[in-house]
N, C-alpha and C. Protein backbone atom coordinates (compact mmCIF):
# COMPACT_ATOMS: atom_id res chain seq x y z
N UNK A 1 146.04 -162.32 50.44
CA UNK A 1 145.06 -162.68 49.09
C UNK A 1 144.46 -161.31 48.72
N UNK A 2 145.19 -161.33 47.34
CA UNK A 2 144.31 -160.11 46.39
C UNK A 2 142.58 -160.23 46.70
N UNK A 3 142.05 -159.58 46.60
CA UNK A 3 140.51 -159.63 46.87
C UNK A 3 139.87 -159.94 45.17
N UNK A 4 140.37 -159.45 44.27
CA UNK A 4 140.29 -158.94 42.51
C UNK A 4 141.66 -158.75 42.44
N UNK A 5 142.22 -159.50 41.24
CA UNK A 5 143.53 -158.91 40.65
C UNK A 5 143.29 -157.91 39.79
N UNK A 6 142.41 -157.94 39.42
CA UNK A 6 141.89 -156.53 38.36
C UNK A 6 142.30 -155.19 39.05
N UNK A 7 142.11 -155.65 40.71
CA UNK A 7 142.25 -153.99 41.47
C UNK A 7 143.34 -153.72 41.62
N UNK A 8 144.47 -154.52 41.31
CA UNK A 8 145.72 -154.57 41.28
C UNK A 8 146.88 -153.65 40.38
N UNK A 9 147.57 -152.79 41.07
CA UNK A 9 148.67 -151.93 39.99
C UNK A 9 149.57 -152.47 40.54
N UNK A 10 150.99 -151.53 40.27
CA UNK A 10 152.25 -151.45 39.70
C UNK A 10 152.39 -150.84 40.71
N UNK A 11 153.40 -150.39 41.67
CA UNK A 11 153.83 -149.40 42.61
C UNK A 11 154.29 -148.39 42.13
N UNK A 12 154.94 -148.09 40.28
CA UNK A 12 154.57 -146.87 40.21
C UNK A 12 153.49 -146.02 39.75
N UNK A 13 152.65 -146.96 39.38
CA UNK A 13 151.28 -146.70 39.00
C UNK A 13 150.51 -146.24 40.23
N UNK A 14 150.68 -147.35 41.25
CA UNK A 14 150.51 -146.79 42.49
C UNK A 14 150.46 -145.46 43.23
N UNK A 15 152.00 -145.09 43.13
CA UNK A 15 152.19 -143.85 43.67
C UNK A 15 152.10 -142.92 42.62
N UNK A 16 152.18 -142.93 41.41
CA UNK A 16 152.05 -141.82 40.29
C UNK A 16 150.15 -141.14 40.41
N UNK A 17 149.67 -142.24 40.35
CA UNK A 17 148.10 -142.06 40.51
C UNK A 17 147.34 -141.98 42.06
N UNK A 18 147.45 -142.63 42.83
CA UNK A 18 146.60 -143.30 43.91
C UNK A 18 147.36 -142.44 45.68
N UNK A 19 148.37 -141.98 45.30
CA UNK A 19 148.78 -140.79 46.46
C UNK A 19 149.24 -139.51 46.41
N UNK A 20 148.63 -138.74 46.67
CA UNK A 20 149.16 -137.49 46.87
C UNK A 20 150.44 -136.84 46.86
N UNK A 21 151.08 -135.74 45.72
CA UNK A 21 151.73 -135.43 45.73
C UNK A 21 152.77 -135.20 46.73
N UNK A 22 154.35 -135.83 46.95
CA UNK A 22 155.78 -135.41 48.27
C UNK A 22 154.88 -133.72 47.87
N UNK A 23 155.88 -133.39 49.78
CA UNK A 23 155.93 -132.21 49.93
C UNK A 23 156.56 -130.64 48.21
N UNK A 24 157.36 -131.54 47.79
CA UNK A 24 158.18 -131.23 46.82
C UNK A 24 157.08 -130.53 45.57
N UNK A 25 155.81 -131.69 45.26
CA UNK A 25 154.98 -131.55 44.69
C UNK A 25 155.10 -132.21 43.43
N UNK A 26 156.15 -132.76 43.62
CA UNK A 26 156.85 -134.35 42.91
C UNK A 26 155.15 -135.36 42.38
N UNK A 27 155.32 -136.23 42.53
CA UNK A 27 154.98 -137.98 43.00
C UNK A 27 155.77 -138.38 43.26
N UNK A 28 155.56 -139.45 44.58
CA UNK A 28 155.66 -140.13 44.94
C UNK A 28 156.14 -140.87 44.32
N UNK A 29 157.84 -141.50 45.36
CA UNK A 29 158.43 -142.43 43.98
C UNK A 29 158.82 -143.73 44.11
N UNK A 30 158.39 -144.56 43.61
CA UNK A 30 157.56 -146.34 43.61
C UNK A 30 158.66 -146.99 44.93
N UNK A 31 160.11 -146.17 44.78
CA UNK A 31 160.73 -146.85 45.80
C UNK A 31 160.09 -146.85 47.73
N UNK A 32 159.53 -145.66 47.24
CA UNK A 32 158.76 -145.19 48.97
C UNK A 32 158.03 -146.28 49.34
N UNK A 33 156.92 -146.68 47.99
CA UNK A 33 156.13 -148.07 48.13
C UNK A 33 156.97 -149.25 48.63
N UNK A 34 157.81 -149.32 47.86
CA UNK A 34 159.23 -150.52 48.37
C UNK A 34 159.34 -150.65 49.74
N UNK A 35 159.76 -149.52 50.06
CA UNK A 35 160.69 -149.37 51.23
C UNK A 35 159.81 -149.48 52.55
N UNK A 36 158.03 -149.08 52.34
CA UNK A 36 156.81 -149.16 52.86
C UNK A 36 156.70 -150.43 53.07
N UNK A 37 156.89 -150.87 51.92
CA UNK A 37 156.71 -152.99 51.63
C UNK A 37 157.36 -153.41 52.95
N UNK A 38 158.80 -153.14 52.35
CA UNK A 38 160.13 -154.18 53.49
C UNK A 38 160.48 -153.94 54.53
N UNK A 39 160.13 -152.39 54.32
CA UNK A 39 160.55 -151.80 56.27
C UNK A 39 159.78 -151.69 56.82
N UNK A 40 158.67 -150.62 56.74
CA UNK A 40 157.32 -150.24 57.21
C UNK A 40 157.95 -148.70 58.08
N UNK A 41 157.28 -148.32 58.68
CA UNK A 41 157.41 -147.60 59.31
C UNK A 41 156.51 -147.57 60.76
N UNK A 42 157.18 -146.48 61.83
CA UNK A 42 156.98 -147.26 63.41
C UNK A 42 155.91 -145.95 63.53
N UNK A 43 154.48 -146.23 63.63
CA UNK A 43 153.93 -145.08 63.89
C UNK A 43 153.88 -145.34 65.64
N UNK A 44 152.86 -144.24 65.88
CA UNK A 44 153.25 -143.23 67.11
C UNK A 44 153.15 -144.12 68.35
N UNK A 45 152.36 -145.16 67.87
CA UNK A 45 152.28 -145.86 68.90
C UNK A 45 153.71 -147.29 69.30
N UNK A 46 154.53 -147.27 68.16
CA UNK A 46 155.63 -147.83 68.36
C UNK A 46 155.32 -148.76 68.03
N UNK A 47 154.38 -149.35 67.06
CA UNK A 47 154.25 -150.72 66.36
C UNK A 47 154.48 -150.03 65.04
N UNK A 48 155.13 -151.19 64.46
CA UNK A 48 155.57 -151.47 62.89
C UNK A 48 154.15 -151.38 62.22
N UNK A 49 154.24 -150.43 60.83
CA UNK A 49 153.44 -150.72 60.47
C UNK A 49 153.62 -151.07 58.52
N UNK A 50 152.99 -151.89 57.99
CA UNK A 50 153.72 -152.61 56.50
C UNK A 50 152.89 -152.31 55.46
N UNK A 51 153.24 -152.02 54.58
CA UNK A 51 152.20 -152.33 52.89
C UNK A 51 152.13 -153.26 52.64
N UNK A 52 151.16 -153.58 52.17
CA UNK A 52 150.82 -155.31 51.97
C UNK A 52 150.84 -155.05 50.28
N UNK A 53 151.69 -155.88 49.92
CA UNK A 53 151.83 -155.63 49.19
C UNK A 53 152.15 -157.62 47.84
N UNK A 54 152.44 -157.61 46.78
CA UNK A 54 152.19 -158.61 45.69
C UNK A 54 153.11 -158.85 44.97
N UNK A 55 153.64 -159.99 44.78
CA UNK A 55 154.43 -160.33 43.47
C UNK A 55 153.57 -161.13 42.80
N UNK A 56 153.36 -160.46 41.33
CA UNK A 56 153.22 -160.90 40.12
C UNK A 56 154.09 -161.15 39.02
N UNK A 57 154.94 -161.80 38.70
CA UNK A 57 155.22 -161.87 37.44
C UNK A 57 156.68 -161.46 37.30
N UNK A 58 157.40 -160.79 38.35
CA UNK A 58 158.26 -160.62 38.77
C UNK A 58 158.22 -159.26 39.27
N UNK A 59 156.96 -158.62 39.16
CA UNK A 59 156.73 -156.68 39.80
C UNK A 59 156.03 -157.14 41.01
N UNK A 60 156.35 -155.85 41.88
CA UNK A 60 155.63 -156.06 42.95
C UNK A 60 154.40 -155.38 42.90
N UNK A 61 153.42 -155.85 43.29
CA UNK A 61 151.49 -155.15 42.57
C UNK A 61 151.32 -154.39 44.15
N UNK A 62 149.82 -153.75 44.43
CA UNK A 62 149.36 -153.16 45.29
C UNK A 62 147.66 -152.77 45.54
N UNK A 63 147.36 -153.12 45.71
CA UNK A 63 145.98 -152.34 45.30
C UNK A 63 145.23 -151.05 46.42
N UNK A 64 144.82 -150.25 45.73
CA UNK A 64 144.33 -148.74 46.91
C UNK A 64 143.73 -150.00 48.08
N UNK A 65 143.01 -150.45 47.92
CA UNK A 65 142.68 -150.78 49.53
C UNK A 65 143.65 -150.87 50.12
N UNK A 66 144.75 -151.77 49.98
CA UNK A 66 145.87 -151.96 50.83
C UNK A 66 146.74 -150.85 51.03
N UNK A 67 146.77 -149.84 50.24
CA UNK A 67 146.88 -148.01 50.46
C UNK A 67 146.45 -147.74 51.28
N UNK A 68 144.90 -147.71 51.82
CA UNK A 68 144.18 -147.07 52.21
C UNK A 68 144.02 -147.78 53.55
N UNK A 69 143.92 -149.22 54.00
CA UNK A 69 144.48 -149.39 55.02
C UNK A 69 145.76 -149.42 55.77
N UNK A 70 146.98 -149.40 55.16
CA UNK A 70 148.03 -148.82 55.49
C UNK A 70 148.28 -147.61 55.97
N UNK A 71 147.38 -146.29 55.60
CA UNK A 71 147.59 -145.28 56.07
C UNK A 71 146.13 -144.92 57.29
N UNK A 72 145.19 -145.84 56.97
CA UNK A 72 144.26 -145.32 58.25
C UNK A 72 145.20 -146.36 59.69
N UNK A 73 146.30 -147.34 59.46
CA UNK A 73 146.66 -148.09 60.46
C UNK A 73 147.77 -146.83 61.07
N UNK A 74 148.25 -146.41 60.20
CA UNK A 74 149.37 -145.47 60.90
C UNK A 74 149.62 -144.33 61.28
N UNK A 75 148.03 -143.32 60.64
CA UNK A 75 147.53 -142.64 60.91
C UNK A 75 146.53 -143.02 62.92
N UNK A 76 146.41 -144.13 62.72
CA UNK A 76 145.53 -144.25 63.94
C UNK A 76 145.92 -144.27 65.40
N UNK A 77 145.20 -143.19 66.60
CA UNK A 77 145.65 -142.59 67.07
C UNK A 77 146.49 -141.27 67.66
N UNK A 78 146.42 -140.73 66.34
CA UNK A 78 147.08 -139.81 65.84
C UNK A 78 145.95 -138.72 66.19
N UNK A 79 146.48 -137.69 67.19
CA UNK A 79 145.17 -136.18 67.40
C UNK A 79 144.99 -135.83 66.00
N UNK A 80 143.67 -135.24 65.52
CA UNK A 80 143.19 -134.64 64.65
C UNK A 80 143.90 -132.78 65.31
N UNK A 81 143.75 -132.16 64.26
CA UNK A 81 144.74 -130.91 64.35
C UNK A 81 142.93 -130.15 64.99
N UNK A 82 141.52 -130.83 64.97
CA UNK A 82 140.26 -130.43 65.47
C UNK A 82 140.51 -130.28 66.56
N UNK A 83 141.00 -131.42 67.46
CA UNK A 83 141.25 -131.91 68.82
C UNK A 83 141.94 -130.68 69.90
N UNK A 84 142.67 -129.89 68.67
CA UNK A 84 143.10 -128.64 69.78
C UNK A 84 142.88 -127.61 70.10
N UNK A 85 142.85 -127.18 71.27
CA UNK A 85 141.77 -126.28 71.63
C UNK A 85 142.56 -124.80 71.99
N UNK A 86 141.79 -123.59 71.69
CA UNK A 86 142.82 -122.19 70.93
C UNK A 86 143.64 -121.93 72.43
N UNK A 87 143.00 -122.54 73.79
CA UNK A 87 143.99 -122.14 74.89
C UNK A 87 145.48 -123.34 74.61
N UNK A 88 145.45 -124.63 74.61
CA UNK A 88 146.72 -125.07 74.33
C UNK A 88 147.29 -124.83 73.45
N UNK A 89 146.74 -123.97 72.01
CA UNK A 89 147.94 -123.60 70.96
C UNK A 89 148.07 -122.50 71.59
N UNK A 90 147.47 -121.10 72.19
CA UNK A 90 148.47 -119.73 72.72
C UNK A 90 149.79 -120.27 73.46
N UNK A 91 149.13 -121.48 74.85
CA UNK A 91 150.22 -121.11 75.53
C UNK A 91 151.40 -122.03 74.97
N UNK A 92 151.45 -123.00 73.93
CA UNK A 92 152.20 -123.73 73.52
C UNK A 92 153.19 -122.79 72.82
N UNK A 93 152.43 -121.87 72.11
CA UNK A 93 152.66 -120.51 71.39
C UNK A 93 153.60 -119.83 72.17
N UNK A 94 153.22 -119.40 73.02
CA UNK A 94 153.73 -118.57 74.26
C UNK A 94 155.22 -119.13 75.64
N UNK A 95 154.81 -120.46 75.19
CA UNK A 95 155.91 -120.80 75.72
C UNK A 95 157.32 -121.46 74.51
N UNK A 96 156.87 -121.12 73.25
CA UNK A 96 157.99 -121.22 72.21
C UNK A 96 158.88 -120.04 72.46
N UNK A 97 157.90 -118.70 72.22
CA UNK A 97 157.94 -117.37 72.13
C UNK A 97 159.56 -116.85 73.53
N UNK A 98 158.87 -117.58 74.60
CA UNK A 98 159.65 -117.98 75.74
C UNK A 98 160.66 -118.08 75.41
N UNK A 99 160.93 -119.24 74.70
CA UNK A 99 161.83 -120.24 75.04
C UNK A 99 163.06 -119.49 73.65
N UNK A 100 162.15 -119.03 72.85
CA UNK A 100 163.85 -118.14 71.62
C UNK A 100 163.81 -117.49 72.08
N UNK A 101 163.35 -116.11 73.15
CA UNK A 101 163.78 -115.03 73.85
C UNK A 101 164.82 -115.26 74.68
N UNK A 102 164.65 -116.42 75.63
CA UNK A 102 165.50 -117.05 76.58
C UNK A 102 166.82 -117.50 75.61
N UNK A 103 167.07 -117.78 74.02
CA UNK A 103 168.47 -117.80 73.26
C UNK A 103 168.47 -116.92 72.76
N UNK A 104 167.79 -115.95 72.41
CA UNK A 104 168.26 -114.71 71.97
C UNK A 104 168.13 -114.01 70.46
N UNK A 105 166.89 -115.19 70.22
CA UNK A 105 166.67 -115.07 69.03
C UNK A 105 165.59 -113.79 68.83
């Protein structure tokens, strides 16, 4: 249930104003939020995570809290970049370099 209906916004407003731009620099398309709501995304844990939206007067609505919960659930358990130590990074870089040399690149 929506905690406060005044905090809800349309998916297009949410995509334009509450999410960072896509890799291209353009705003996230509202259809992305629809896809997150309808199909969900499989997290690294294998669990399917859905964005909670509501229909109000024929339009789909979402709250900032729902988006934050979705993103937190999606990123739960994923390793932070700070967790990587220099040895593991340099070891992986060396392995990648060796593999490229074997391929003749």
